[in-house]
Protein backbone atom coordinates (compact mmCIF):
# COMPACT_ATOMS: atom_id res chain seq x y z
CA MET A 1 -18.78 18.86 -34.05
CA ALA A 2 -16.31 16.01 -34.21
CA VAL A 3 -16.89 13.12 -31.83
CA GLU A 4 -13.90 11.75 -29.98
CA SER A 5 -13.56 8.04 -30.62
CA ALA A 6 -12.28 5.41 -28.24
CA PRO A 7 -8.46 5.37 -28.01
CA ALA A 8 -6.59 2.70 -29.91
CA PRO A 9 -5.04 -0.08 -27.80
CA THR A 10 -1.51 0.67 -26.67
CA SER A 11 1.40 -1.70 -27.03
CA TYR A 12 1.08 -2.38 -23.30
CA ASP A 13 -2.56 -3.42 -23.75
CA LEU A 14 -1.72 -5.66 -26.68
CA ALA A 15 1.23 -7.20 -24.86
CA ILE A 16 -0.85 -8.61 -22.01
CA ALA A 17 -4.00 -9.36 -24.01
CA ALA A 18 -3.18 -13.09 -24.24
CA GLU A 19 -2.56 -13.31 -20.48
CA VAL A 20 -5.82 -11.52 -19.76
CA GLN A 21 -7.76 -13.91 -21.96
CA ALA A 22 -6.10 -16.90 -20.30
CA GLU A 23 -7.33 -15.76 -16.89
CA LYS A 24 -10.80 -14.84 -18.14
CA ALA A 25 -11.18 -18.32 -19.61
CA LYS A 26 -11.22 -19.65 -16.04
CA LEU A 27 -14.30 -17.64 -15.04
CA GLN A 28 -17.57 -19.50 -14.46
CA LYS A 29 -21.06 -18.08 -15.09
CA HIS A 30 -23.29 -18.62 -12.04
CA PHE A 31 -24.61 -15.10 -11.33
CA GLY A 32 -28.26 -14.44 -12.31
CA ARG A 33 -30.68 -11.55 -11.80
CA ALA A 34 -32.03 -12.75 -8.43
CA ASP A 35 -28.48 -13.44 -7.24
CA ILE A 36 -27.48 -9.86 -8.04
CA PHE A 37 -30.36 -8.48 -5.96
CA PHE A 38 -29.58 -10.63 -2.91
CA PHE A 39 -25.86 -9.89 -3.29
CA LEU A 40 -26.62 -6.14 -3.29
CA VAL A 41 -28.83 -6.38 -0.21
CA CYS A 42 -25.94 -8.09 1.62
CA THR A 43 -23.52 -5.47 0.36
CA LEU A 44 -25.56 -2.41 1.27
CA VAL A 45 -27.51 -3.26 4.40
CA GLY A 46 -25.61 -3.52 7.66
CA ILE A 47 -26.59 -2.97 11.29
CA ASP A 48 -23.58 -1.03 12.58
CA GLY A 49 -25.06 2.42 12.00
CA LEU A 50 -28.70 1.90 12.99
CA GLY A 51 -28.24 2.69 16.67
CA THR A 52 -26.08 5.72 15.90
CA LEU A 53 -28.69 7.20 13.57
CA ALA A 54 -31.34 6.85 16.26
CA THR A 55 -29.23 8.40 19.03
CA VAL A 56 -29.44 11.91 17.54
CA GLY A 57 -33.21 11.92 17.34
CA GLY A 58 -35.48 12.62 14.40
CA ALA A 59 -32.80 14.49 12.43
CA GLY A 60 -31.01 11.19 11.85
CA PHE A 61 -34.06 9.73 10.13
CA THR A 62 -34.53 12.88 8.03
CA TRP A 63 -30.92 12.87 6.85
CA LEU A 64 -31.23 9.17 6.02
CA ILE A 65 -34.21 9.82 3.73
CA LEU A 66 -32.53 12.85 2.13
CA SER A 67 -29.33 10.85 1.59
CA VAL A 68 -31.26 8.07 -0.13
CA LEU A 69 -32.96 10.59 -2.44
CA PHE A 70 -29.98 12.82 -3.19
CA PHE A 71 -27.09 10.36 -2.98
CA ALA A 72 -28.19 6.72 -3.23
CA VAL A 73 -30.53 7.28 -6.16
CA PRO A 74 -28.13 9.48 -8.22
CA SER A 75 -25.15 7.20 -7.58
CA ALA A 76 -27.24 4.13 -8.41
CA LEU A 77 -28.18 5.67 -11.77
CA ILE A 78 -24.51 6.27 -12.57
CA LEU A 79 -23.46 2.76 -11.62
CA ALA A 80 -26.35 1.16 -13.51
CA GLU A 81 -25.07 2.77 -16.73
CA LEU A 82 -21.49 1.69 -16.10
CA GLY A 83 -22.48 -1.84 -15.09
CA ALA A 84 -24.69 -2.34 -18.14
CA ALA A 85 -22.32 -0.77 -20.68
CA TYR A 86 -18.97 -2.15 -19.55
CA THR A 87 -19.32 -5.78 -18.53
CA ASP A 88 -15.67 -6.74 -18.04
CA GLU A 89 -14.64 -8.65 -14.94
CA GLY A 90 -13.42 -6.29 -12.22
CA GLY A 91 -15.87 -3.59 -13.26
CA PRO A 92 -15.07 -0.77 -10.76
CA TYR A 93 -11.36 -1.00 -11.54
CA VAL A 94 -11.89 -1.33 -15.30
CA TRP A 95 -14.13 1.74 -15.46
CA VAL A 96 -11.61 3.95 -13.65
CA ARG A 97 -8.68 2.64 -15.69
CA MET A 98 -10.55 3.21 -18.98
CA ALA A 99 -11.45 6.75 -17.92
CA PHE A 100 -8.24 7.89 -16.22
CA GLY A 101 -5.44 5.41 -17.01
CA HIS A 102 -3.43 2.74 -15.20
CA VAL A 103 -1.92 4.97 -12.49
CA ILE A 104 -5.19 6.38 -11.17
CA GLY A 105 -6.84 3.01 -11.73
CA ALA A 106 -4.21 1.26 -9.60
CA VAL A 107 -4.31 3.78 -6.74
CA ASN A 108 -8.10 4.03 -6.71
CA ASN A 109 -8.49 0.26 -6.79
CA PHE A 110 -6.08 -0.35 -3.93
CA PHE A 111 -8.17 1.92 -1.73
CA TYR A 112 -11.27 0.06 -2.91
CA TRP A 113 -9.76 -3.28 -1.92
CA VAL A 114 -7.81 -2.61 1.29
CA THR A 115 -10.83 -1.43 3.29
CA ASN A 116 -12.54 -4.78 3.18
CA PRO A 117 -10.08 -7.18 4.83
CA VAL A 118 -9.53 -4.48 7.47
CA TRP A 119 -13.29 -4.16 7.96
CA MET A 120 -13.69 -7.94 8.15
CA GLY A 121 -11.01 -8.39 10.81
CA GLY A 122 -11.96 -5.33 12.83
CA THR A 123 -15.52 -4.04 12.86
CA LEU A 124 -17.37 -7.10 11.60
CA VAL A 125 -15.79 -9.55 14.04
CA ALA A 126 -16.74 -7.13 16.82
CA THR A 127 -20.29 -6.87 15.49
CA GLY A 128 -20.68 -10.64 15.46
CA LEU A 129 -19.32 -10.87 19.01
CA THR A 130 -21.79 -8.19 20.11
CA GLY A 131 -24.70 -10.23 18.81
CA ILE A 132 -23.52 -13.22 20.84
CA THR A 133 -22.74 -11.33 24.06
CA VAL A 134 -25.99 -9.35 24.04
CA PHE A 135 -28.33 -12.28 23.38
CA TRP A 136 -26.48 -15.44 24.45
CA TYR A 137 -25.01 -14.22 27.73
CA ARG A 138 -25.99 -12.01 30.62
CA ASP A 139 -24.98 -8.36 30.50
CA ASP A 140 -22.02 -8.76 32.88
CA HIS A 141 -20.47 -11.49 30.70
CA THR A 142 -17.42 -10.62 28.65
CA PHE A 143 -15.52 -12.86 26.30
CA SER A 144 -12.08 -13.95 27.38
CA LYS A 145 -9.24 -13.37 24.97
CA ALA A 146 -9.10 -17.08 24.19
CA SER A 147 -12.83 -17.18 23.46
CA THR A 148 -12.50 -14.14 21.24
CA TYR A 149 -9.78 -15.87 19.24
CA LEU A 150 -11.91 -19.01 18.98
CA PHE A 151 -14.69 -16.90 17.47
CA GLY A 152 -12.70 -14.42 15.38
CA ILE A 153 -10.24 -16.67 13.55
CA PRO A 154 -12.90 -19.08 12.19
CA PHE A 155 -15.12 -16.07 11.38
CA ILE A 156 -12.40 -14.64 9.13
CA TRP A 157 -11.17 -17.82 7.50
CA LEU A 158 -14.62 -19.27 6.90
CA GLY A 159 -15.23 -16.06 4.93
CA VAL A 160 -12.02 -16.68 2.97
CA LEU A 161 -13.14 -20.26 2.25
CA PHE A 162 -16.50 -19.17 0.87
CA ALA A 163 -14.80 -16.42 -1.16
CA ILE A 164 -12.53 -19.05 -2.73
CA LEU A 165 -15.45 -21.22 -3.75
CA SER A 166 -17.15 -20.26 -7.01
CA PHE A 167 -20.24 -18.07 -7.20
CA LYS A 168 -22.14 -21.33 -7.62
CA VAL A 169 -21.64 -21.71 -3.85
CA GLY A 170 -20.90 -18.16 -2.75
CA LYS A 171 -24.11 -16.73 -4.18
CA TRP A 172 -26.15 -18.95 -1.88
CA ILE A 173 -24.30 -17.62 1.15
CA ALA A 174 -25.18 -14.10 0.01
CA THR A 175 -28.80 -15.18 -0.44
CA VAL A 176 -28.88 -16.54 3.10
CA GLY A 177 -27.39 -13.24 4.30
CA ALA A 178 -30.06 -11.22 2.49
CA ILE A 179 -32.86 -13.36 3.94
CA ALA A 180 -31.30 -12.94 7.41
CA ARG A 181 -31.52 -9.17 6.96
CA PHE A 182 -35.16 -9.30 5.96
CA LEU A 183 -35.93 -11.52 8.96
CA LEU A 184 -33.86 -9.56 11.49
CA LEU A 185 -34.87 -6.03 10.49
CA GLY A 186 -38.44 -6.98 9.65
CA PHE A 187 -38.84 -8.67 13.05
CA PHE A 188 -37.26 -5.67 14.75
CA THR A 189 -39.68 -3.25 13.09
CA LEU A 190 -42.60 -5.39 14.20
CA VAL A 191 -41.41 -5.91 17.76
CA VAL A 192 -40.69 -2.22 18.45
CA LEU A 193 -44.28 -1.47 17.45
CA MET A 194 -45.47 -4.17 19.89
CA TYR A 195 -43.26 -2.59 22.55
CA GLY A 196 -44.79 0.81 21.83
CA ALA A 197 -48.32 -0.56 21.98
CA LYS A 198 -47.56 -1.99 25.44
CA HIS A 199 -45.55 0.86 26.95
CA GLY A 200 -46.72 3.84 24.91
CA PHE A 201 -45.14 5.84 22.11
CA HIS A 202 -42.58 8.37 23.29
CA GLY A 203 -40.85 9.45 20.12
CA PRO A 204 -39.48 12.91 19.32
CA SER A 205 -41.80 15.77 18.42
CA LEU A 206 -42.32 16.73 14.81
CA GLY A 207 -39.90 19.62 15.19
CA ASP A 208 -37.12 17.24 16.20
CA TYR A 209 -37.14 15.79 12.69
CA LYS A 210 -35.94 19.13 11.32
CA PRO A 211 -32.45 18.65 9.86
CA GLY A 212 -29.70 20.98 10.98
CA PHE A 213 -26.16 21.69 9.88
CA SER A 214 -24.61 20.13 12.97
CA SER A 215 -26.48 16.86 12.46
CA PHE A 216 -25.57 17.03 8.75
CA VAL A 217 -21.84 17.23 9.47
CA LEU A 218 -22.09 14.54 12.13
CA LEU A 219 -24.27 11.97 10.37
CA VAL A 220 -24.03 12.24 6.60
CA PRO A 221 -20.55 10.64 6.32
CA LEU A 222 -21.83 7.63 8.28
CA ILE A 223 -25.01 7.43 6.19
CA LEU A 224 -23.17 7.68 2.88
CA PHE A 225 -20.79 4.94 3.98
CA SER A 226 -23.89 2.77 4.47
CA LEU A 227 -25.23 3.60 1.00
CA VAL A 228 -22.29 2.73 -1.25
CA GLY A 229 -21.74 -0.58 -3.02
CA PHE A 230 -24.20 -0.67 -5.94
CA GLU A 231 -21.27 -1.38 -8.25
CA LEU A 232 -19.90 -4.38 -6.33
CA PRO A 233 -21.65 -7.16 -8.33
CA SER A 234 -20.01 -5.76 -11.47
CA ALA A 235 -16.68 -6.89 -10.03
CA ALA A 236 -17.88 -10.33 -11.20
CA ALA A 237 -19.51 -9.09 -14.41
CA GLU A 238 -18.18 -11.88 -16.61
CA GLU A 239 -19.57 -14.42 -14.17
CA MET A 240 -23.09 -13.05 -14.73
CA THR A 241 -25.49 -14.67 -17.16
CA ASP A 242 -26.60 -11.29 -18.59
CA ALA A 243 -24.85 -8.33 -16.96
CA ALA A 244 -26.14 -5.71 -19.41
CA ASP A 245 -29.75 -6.51 -18.61
CA ASP A 246 -29.57 -7.71 -15.00
CA VAL A 247 -27.37 -5.05 -13.37
CA PRO A 248 -29.77 -2.07 -13.77
CA SER A 249 -32.69 -4.20 -12.59
CA GLY A 250 -30.83 -5.45 -9.53
CA ILE A 251 -29.66 -1.95 -8.60
CA ALA A 252 -33.18 -0.48 -8.90
CA LYS A 253 -34.68 -3.10 -6.59
CA SER A 254 -31.84 -2.83 -4.08
CA VAL A 255 -32.30 0.95 -3.73
CA VAL A 256 -35.88 0.39 -2.55
CA ALA A 257 -34.95 -2.54 -0.29
CA THR A 258 -32.06 -0.60 1.29
CA ALA A 259 -34.23 2.44 2.04
CA LEU A 260 -36.86 0.26 3.74
CA LEU A 261 -34.40 -1.94 5.66
CA TYR A 262 -32.63 1.13 7.07
CA GLY A 263 -35.56 3.52 7.38
CA LEU A 264 -38.19 1.38 9.12
CA PRO A 265 -35.98 0.17 12.01
CA VAL A 266 -34.61 3.68 12.68
CA LEU A 267 -38.12 5.12 12.63
CA GLY A 268 -39.26 2.33 14.95
CA ILE A 269 -36.59 3.18 17.53
CA LEU A 270 -37.49 6.85 17.39
CA VAL A 271 -41.24 6.39 17.66
CA VAL A 272 -41.20 3.81 20.44
CA LEU A 273 -38.37 4.72 22.81
CA PRO A 274 -38.20 7.96 24.84
CA ALA A 275 -35.78 10.47 23.36
CA SER A 276 -33.68 10.57 26.55
CA GLN A 277 -33.41 6.79 26.52
CA ALA A 278 -32.63 6.57 22.79
CA THR A 279 -29.56 8.75 23.31
CA GLY A 280 -28.27 6.16 25.74
CA LEU A 281 -28.55 3.22 23.35
CA LEU A 282 -25.28 1.44 22.74
CA GLY A 283 -26.40 0.13 19.36
CA PHE A 284 -28.90 -1.88 17.42
CA PRO A 285 -28.60 -5.17 19.42
CA ASP A 286 -29.45 -3.34 22.67
CA ALA A 287 -32.47 -1.67 21.10
CA LEU A 288 -33.69 -5.00 19.76
CA LYS A 289 -33.19 -6.70 23.12
CA GLN A 290 -35.12 -3.99 24.95
CA ALA A 291 -38.06 -4.23 22.54
CA MET A 292 -38.07 -8.03 22.84
CA SER A 293 -38.90 -7.77 26.52
CA VAL A 294 -42.56 -7.87 25.37
CA PHE A 295 -42.08 -11.64 24.96
CA GLY A 296 -40.69 -12.06 28.46
CA GLY A 297 -38.22 -10.05 30.49
CA SER A 298 -37.67 -6.78 32.30
CA VAL A 299 -36.09 -3.41 31.53
CA ALA A 300 -34.26 -1.44 34.23
CA VAL A 301 -33.75 2.22 33.29
CA THR A 302 -30.96 4.16 35.02
CA ASP A 303 -30.80 7.95 35.01
CA ASN A 304 -27.34 9.06 33.88
CA GLY A 305 -27.70 12.49 35.48
CA ASP A 306 -27.14 14.36 32.22
CA GLY A 307 -30.64 14.25 30.77
CA THR A 308 -30.15 10.79 29.31
CA SER A 309 -30.86 7.31 30.60
CA THR A 310 -29.54 3.83 30.01
CA ALA A 311 -31.72 0.73 29.74
CA VAL A 312 -30.51 -2.72 30.84
CA THR A 313 -32.71 -5.59 29.64
CA HIS A 314 -32.95 -9.13 31.03
CA LEU A 315 -34.90 -11.53 28.82
CA THR A 316 -36.78 -14.53 30.14
CA GLY A 317 -39.00 -17.28 28.73
CA ALA A 318 -39.93 -16.82 25.08
CA GLY A 319 -37.92 -13.61 24.93
CA LEU A 320 -34.77 -15.46 25.88
CA ALA A 321 -35.40 -18.22 23.30
CA ILE A 322 -36.10 -15.75 20.50
CA GLY A 323 -33.02 -13.81 21.59
CA TRP A 324 -30.82 -16.78 20.73
CA ILE A 325 -32.20 -16.67 17.19
CA MET A 326 -31.65 -12.91 16.96
CA GLY A 327 -28.06 -13.29 18.12
CA ALA A 328 -27.43 -15.88 15.40
CA LEU A 329 -28.99 -13.62 12.77
CA ILE A 330 -26.71 -10.74 13.80
CA VAL A 331 -23.68 -12.99 13.35
CA ILE A 332 -24.93 -14.08 9.91
CA VAL A 333 -25.55 -10.46 8.86
CA ALA A 334 -22.07 -9.38 9.97
CA PHE A 335 -20.42 -12.38 8.33
CA THR A 336 -22.17 -12.00 4.97
CA SER A 337 -21.50 -8.24 4.91
CA GLY A 338 -17.79 -8.95 4.93
CA LEU A 339 -18.08 -11.93 2.59
CA THR A 340 -19.80 -10.08 -0.27
CA TRP A 341 -17.33 -7.20 -0.12
CA ILE A 342 -14.37 -9.59 -0.01
CA MET A 343 -15.76 -11.56 -2.97
CA GLY A 344 -16.15 -8.40 -5.02
CA SER A 345 -13.11 -6.33 -4.07
CA ASP A 346 -10.74 -9.31 -4.30
CA ARG A 347 -11.80 -9.72 -7.92
CA THR A 348 -11.02 -6.08 -8.69
CA LEU A 349 -7.51 -6.43 -7.23
CA ALA A 350 -6.87 -9.62 -9.20
CA VAL A 351 -8.14 -8.03 -12.43
CA SER A 352 -6.00 -4.93 -11.91
CA SER A 353 -2.99 -7.21 -11.42
CA TYR A 354 -3.46 -9.24 -14.61
CA ASP A 355 -4.35 -5.99 -16.39
CA GLY A 356 -0.95 -4.51 -15.63
CA ALA A 357 -1.85 -2.24 -12.69
CA GLY A 358 -0.63 -4.56 -9.96
CA PRO A 359 1.80 -7.42 -9.25
CA LYS A 360 1.46 -10.18 -11.84
CA ALA A 361 1.46 -12.85 -9.12
CA LEU A 362 -1.85 -11.56 -7.73
CA GLY A 363 -3.56 -11.64 -11.13
CA LYS A 364 -4.32 -15.35 -11.12
CA PHE A 365 -7.71 -17.05 -11.03
CA SER A 366 -8.20 -20.67 -10.03
CA ALA A 367 -8.91 -22.99 -12.95
CA ARG A 368 -11.02 -25.15 -10.61
CA PHE A 369 -13.10 -22.49 -8.85
CA GLY A 370 -12.82 -19.48 -11.18
CA THR A 371 -11.92 -17.27 -8.22
CA PRO A 372 -8.83 -15.17 -7.29
CA VAL A 373 -7.52 -17.58 -4.66
CA ARG A 374 -4.22 -15.77 -4.08
CA VAL A 375 -5.94 -12.46 -3.36
CA ASN A 376 -8.55 -14.25 -1.22
CA VAL A 377 -5.77 -15.69 0.93
CA LEU A 378 -4.02 -12.31 1.08
CA SER A 379 -7.26 -10.76 2.34
CA GLY A 380 -7.45 -13.47 5.00
CA PHE A 381 -3.96 -12.71 6.26
CA VAL A 382 -4.64 -8.94 6.34
CA SER A 383 -7.92 -9.53 8.20
CA THR A 384 -6.20 -11.81 10.69
CA ALA A 385 -3.41 -9.31 11.30
CA ILE A 386 -5.95 -6.55 11.97
CA PHE A 387 -7.96 -8.81 14.26
CA VAL A 388 -4.90 -9.78 16.31
CA ALA A 389 -3.71 -6.17 16.52
CA VAL A 390 -7.12 -4.89 17.65
CA LEU A 391 -7.29 -7.61 20.31
CA GLU A 392 -3.75 -7.19 21.61
CA ILE A 393 -3.56 -3.38 21.61
CA THR A 394 -6.02 -2.66 24.38
CA SER A 395 -4.76 0.36 26.31
CA GLY A 396 -2.52 3.41 26.20
CA SER A 397 -1.70 5.82 23.40
CA ALA A 398 -0.95 2.99 20.99
CA ALA A 399 -4.56 1.83 21.23
CA LYS A 400 -5.81 5.36 20.68
CA PHE A 401 -3.68 5.87 17.60
CA PHE A 402 -4.53 2.44 16.23
CA THR A 403 -8.27 3.04 16.61
CA VAL A 404 -8.06 6.20 14.52
CA ALA A 405 -5.98 4.48 11.85
CA LEU A 406 -8.46 1.62 11.75
CA SER A 407 -11.38 4.03 11.34
CA LEU A 408 -9.60 5.64 8.43
CA ALA A 409 -8.87 2.29 6.80
CA ILE A 410 -12.51 1.25 7.07
CA SER A 411 -13.57 4.48 5.37
CA THR A 412 -11.10 4.37 2.48
CA THR A 413 -13.88 2.80 0.43
CA LEU A 414 -15.46 6.24 0.23
CA ILE A 415 -12.25 7.73 -1.15
CA SER A 416 -12.25 5.22 -4.03
CA TYR A 417 -15.57 6.59 -5.28
CA LEU A 418 -13.81 9.83 -6.19
CA GLY A 419 -12.57 7.82 -9.17
CA ILE A 420 -15.59 5.59 -9.77
CA PHE A 421 -18.40 8.16 -9.94
CA PRO A 422 -16.82 10.53 -12.52
CA ALA A 423 -15.91 7.59 -14.79
CA ALA A 424 -19.39 7.34 -16.36
CA TRP A 425 -19.40 10.98 -17.50
CA VAL A 426 -15.82 10.79 -18.78
CA LEU A 427 -16.47 7.57 -20.71
CA ARG A 428 -19.68 8.89 -22.23
CA ARG A 429 -17.76 11.89 -23.58
CA ARG A 430 -14.69 9.93 -24.72
CA ARG A 431 -16.49 6.85 -26.01
CA PRO A 432 -19.90 8.10 -27.18
CA ASN A 433 -20.35 5.24 -29.66
CA ASP A 434 -20.10 2.48 -27.06
CA HIS A 435 -23.33 0.53 -26.67
CA ARG A 436 -25.17 1.58 -23.51
CA PRO A 437 -28.19 -0.66 -22.79
CA TYR A 438 -29.08 1.76 -20.00
CA ARG A 439 -28.33 5.50 -20.08
CA SER A 440 -28.43 7.39 -16.79
CA PRO A 441 -30.57 10.55 -16.96
CA TRP A 442 -29.05 13.88 -15.92
CA LEU A 443 -25.57 12.34 -15.84
CA PRO A 444 -23.63 15.61 -15.30
CA PHE A 445 -25.88 16.50 -12.35
CA THR A 446 -25.80 13.05 -10.76
CA THR A 447 -22.01 12.86 -11.18
CA ILE A 448 -21.43 16.24 -9.56
CA ILE A 449 -23.76 15.68 -6.60
CA SER A 450 -22.42 12.17 -5.92
CA THR A 451 -18.76 13.16 -6.20
CA VAL A 452 -19.16 16.30 -4.08
CA ALA A 453 -20.89 14.24 -1.39
CA ILE A 454 -18.00 11.76 -1.30
CA LEU A 455 -15.46 14.60 -1.27
CA PHE A 456 -17.26 16.10 1.73
CA CYS A 457 -17.08 12.78 3.57
CA THR A 458 -13.37 12.46 2.80
CA VAL A 459 -12.69 15.89 4.28
CA GLU A 460 -14.72 15.01 7.37
CA LEU A 461 -12.60 11.89 7.88
CA LEU A 462 -9.52 14.06 8.19
CA PHE A 463 -11.14 17.02 9.98
CA PRO A 464 -14.12 15.69 11.99
CA GLY A 465 -16.72 18.40 12.51
CA LEU A 466 -15.07 20.85 10.09
CA GLY A 467 -17.57 23.54 9.15
CA ASP A 468 -19.34 23.36 12.49
CA THR A 469 -17.06 22.79 15.50
CA TRP A 470 -13.91 21.10 14.26
CA PHE A 471 -12.70 18.37 16.59
CA ALA A 472 -15.07 19.23 19.42
CA GLY A 473 -18.33 18.02 20.90
CA ASN A 474 -19.95 15.05 19.19
CA TYR A 475 -17.21 14.95 16.57
CA LEU A 476 -14.45 14.25 19.08
CA ALA A 477 -12.91 10.81 18.64
CA THR A 478 -13.07 8.72 21.81
CA GLY A 479 -9.99 9.16 23.98
CA TRP A 480 -8.76 12.33 22.26
CA ASP A 481 -8.47 15.78 23.80
CA THR A 482 -9.48 18.89 21.83
CA SER A 483 -5.88 20.13 21.96
CA GLU A 484 -4.72 17.07 20.00
CA LYS A 485 -6.46 17.79 16.70
CA TRP A 486 -3.23 18.16 14.72
CA VAL A 487 -1.91 14.89 16.14
CA TYR A 488 -5.22 13.29 15.19
CA LEU A 489 -4.87 14.67 11.66
CA LEU A 490 -1.37 13.18 11.43
CA THR A 491 -2.62 9.73 12.45
CA GLU A 492 -5.18 9.97 9.65
CA ALA A 493 -2.80 11.35 7.01
CA VAL A 494 0.02 8.86 7.60
CA PRO A 495 -2.06 5.73 6.81
CA LEU A 496 -3.43 7.53 3.74
CA ALA A 497 0.10 8.21 2.57
CA ILE A 498 1.14 4.59 3.24
CA PHE A 499 -1.83 3.22 1.29
CA THR A 500 -1.04 5.57 -1.60
CA ALA A 501 2.62 4.49 -1.60
CA ILE A 502 1.66 0.80 -1.69
CA ALA A 503 -0.81 1.48 -4.49
CA LEU A 504 1.87 3.25 -6.53
CA ALA A 505 4.21 0.32 -5.89
CA PHE A 506 1.53 -2.01 -7.21
CA TRP A 507 1.24 0.14 -10.33
CA TRP A 508 5.04 0.13 -10.77
CA PHE A 509 5.17 -3.68 -10.60
CA GLY A 510 2.35 -3.83 -13.15
CA LYS A 511 4.09 -1.33 -15.42
CA ARG A 512 7.30 -3.37 -15.38
CA HIS A 513 5.32 -6.46 -16.33
CA ARG A 514 3.66 -4.65 -19.26
CA GLU A 515 6.99 -3.30 -20.47
CA ARG A 516 8.65 -6.73 -20.36
CA ALA A 517 5.73 -8.30 -22.22
CA ALA A 518 5.83 -5.56 -24.85
CA ALA A 519 9.59 -6.05 -25.29
CA GLN A 520 9.11 -9.78 -25.79
CA ILE A 521 6.52 -9.15 -28.50
CA ALA A 522 8.84 -6.64 -30.17
CA ASN A 523 11.66 -9.20 -30.22
CA LEU A 524 9.42 -11.88 -31.68
CA THR A 525 8.05 -9.60 -34.41
CA GLY A 526 11.32 -7.84 -35.08
């Protein structure tokens, strides 16, 4: 049977080859094996979803473990092969473009990039503020708008500054972020056990850990969103000292670390807190604060009248002092989550632009720092615009519509994996002679299961609860009535269409650049 060889370079590829090499010459190698591991821990482990997983009882923990086994592990195997075999800068974009061409590469990569400045200016600023308000102020304290601006603007632009600096500096920020996660989540696991030893263990019964279809539809999209990102270090592949060898090793270690850093805290909440009380948790910071009352403080539990209860904690003494540290760690975790994604996704957008799948002006790296400064600044402006909009739109239908659009934008990362995951299988078939230092086992199976999982999540973004009770019950977006499901769908579909249109415009600008460069070469050689 004849083996299909790699396609010959097109005139477009040859036309911009010199420009590509000029930009790559600015890259600086500062990214080692340990750096990759810490970078991945920052990328993968957040705290936004921990409280939500615990609120549905034992089924949340079960689906987390199953998602690690049947999604995180298969997708990590795929991305380890791609990251070791194809070590070009901008890895996730390059893989998709090699497998499916410039058009799909441009569209897929825009979705991959746009999520992150939106996430930074929306969810992550709010997460950092939550850490401060929960631990540094009493429960009735709320930030004024001016105080929120004084926190949010520096939060965003300090991230941009660190993204601009080379990996020689940026990697240490990611390392600090990873250590903060180990300290925060490790301390939380320990302190909830201390709380249980003092007040008794009231977790769900063994039967409550049984997974069901309703909990599957509700939770798995959230869990999968928390388990993507193994490919992100490959966005800086040519800044690594040995990408082919270090990427698989870093991914393998990060799978284990991610499972432990998510699993142990969720299990701790479930085992220690009463099930009725766990359903009233507002999130991870509140659960941590309640457990920390063992060091000094009190917990007042209020019956909500619907079978659930809400706990309000006031820390004193040592509990209050440790709480200040925990609040700072939450801010660091939120900040470094956004920073690592910005550092990686900005590189993919810059690479796609100098590769002819985006505007040429965005495809520039700094000769001094070796970073895509123009895209970094663009991300800062997008983040700031989102932050201001979220802060200013506070009531009425506009706020409701904007919240849904923001949720969709944050989740567009998942959509981009519809191009990334199949790329390994396609490239193995089309380019079988390429050197692969690591070969993923069972590649057809892992590709299918990973891609189907992402496709399911994409559908659930548009039709929450579809397959169980569409747009009802726990799937209902806050502020929406069940009769408004088609309006809700429209508010999801319109941003998707806008993002796709912008991505196609990026591709068109890149195509024009490739055509002009090819024409210039033809004139010179003619």
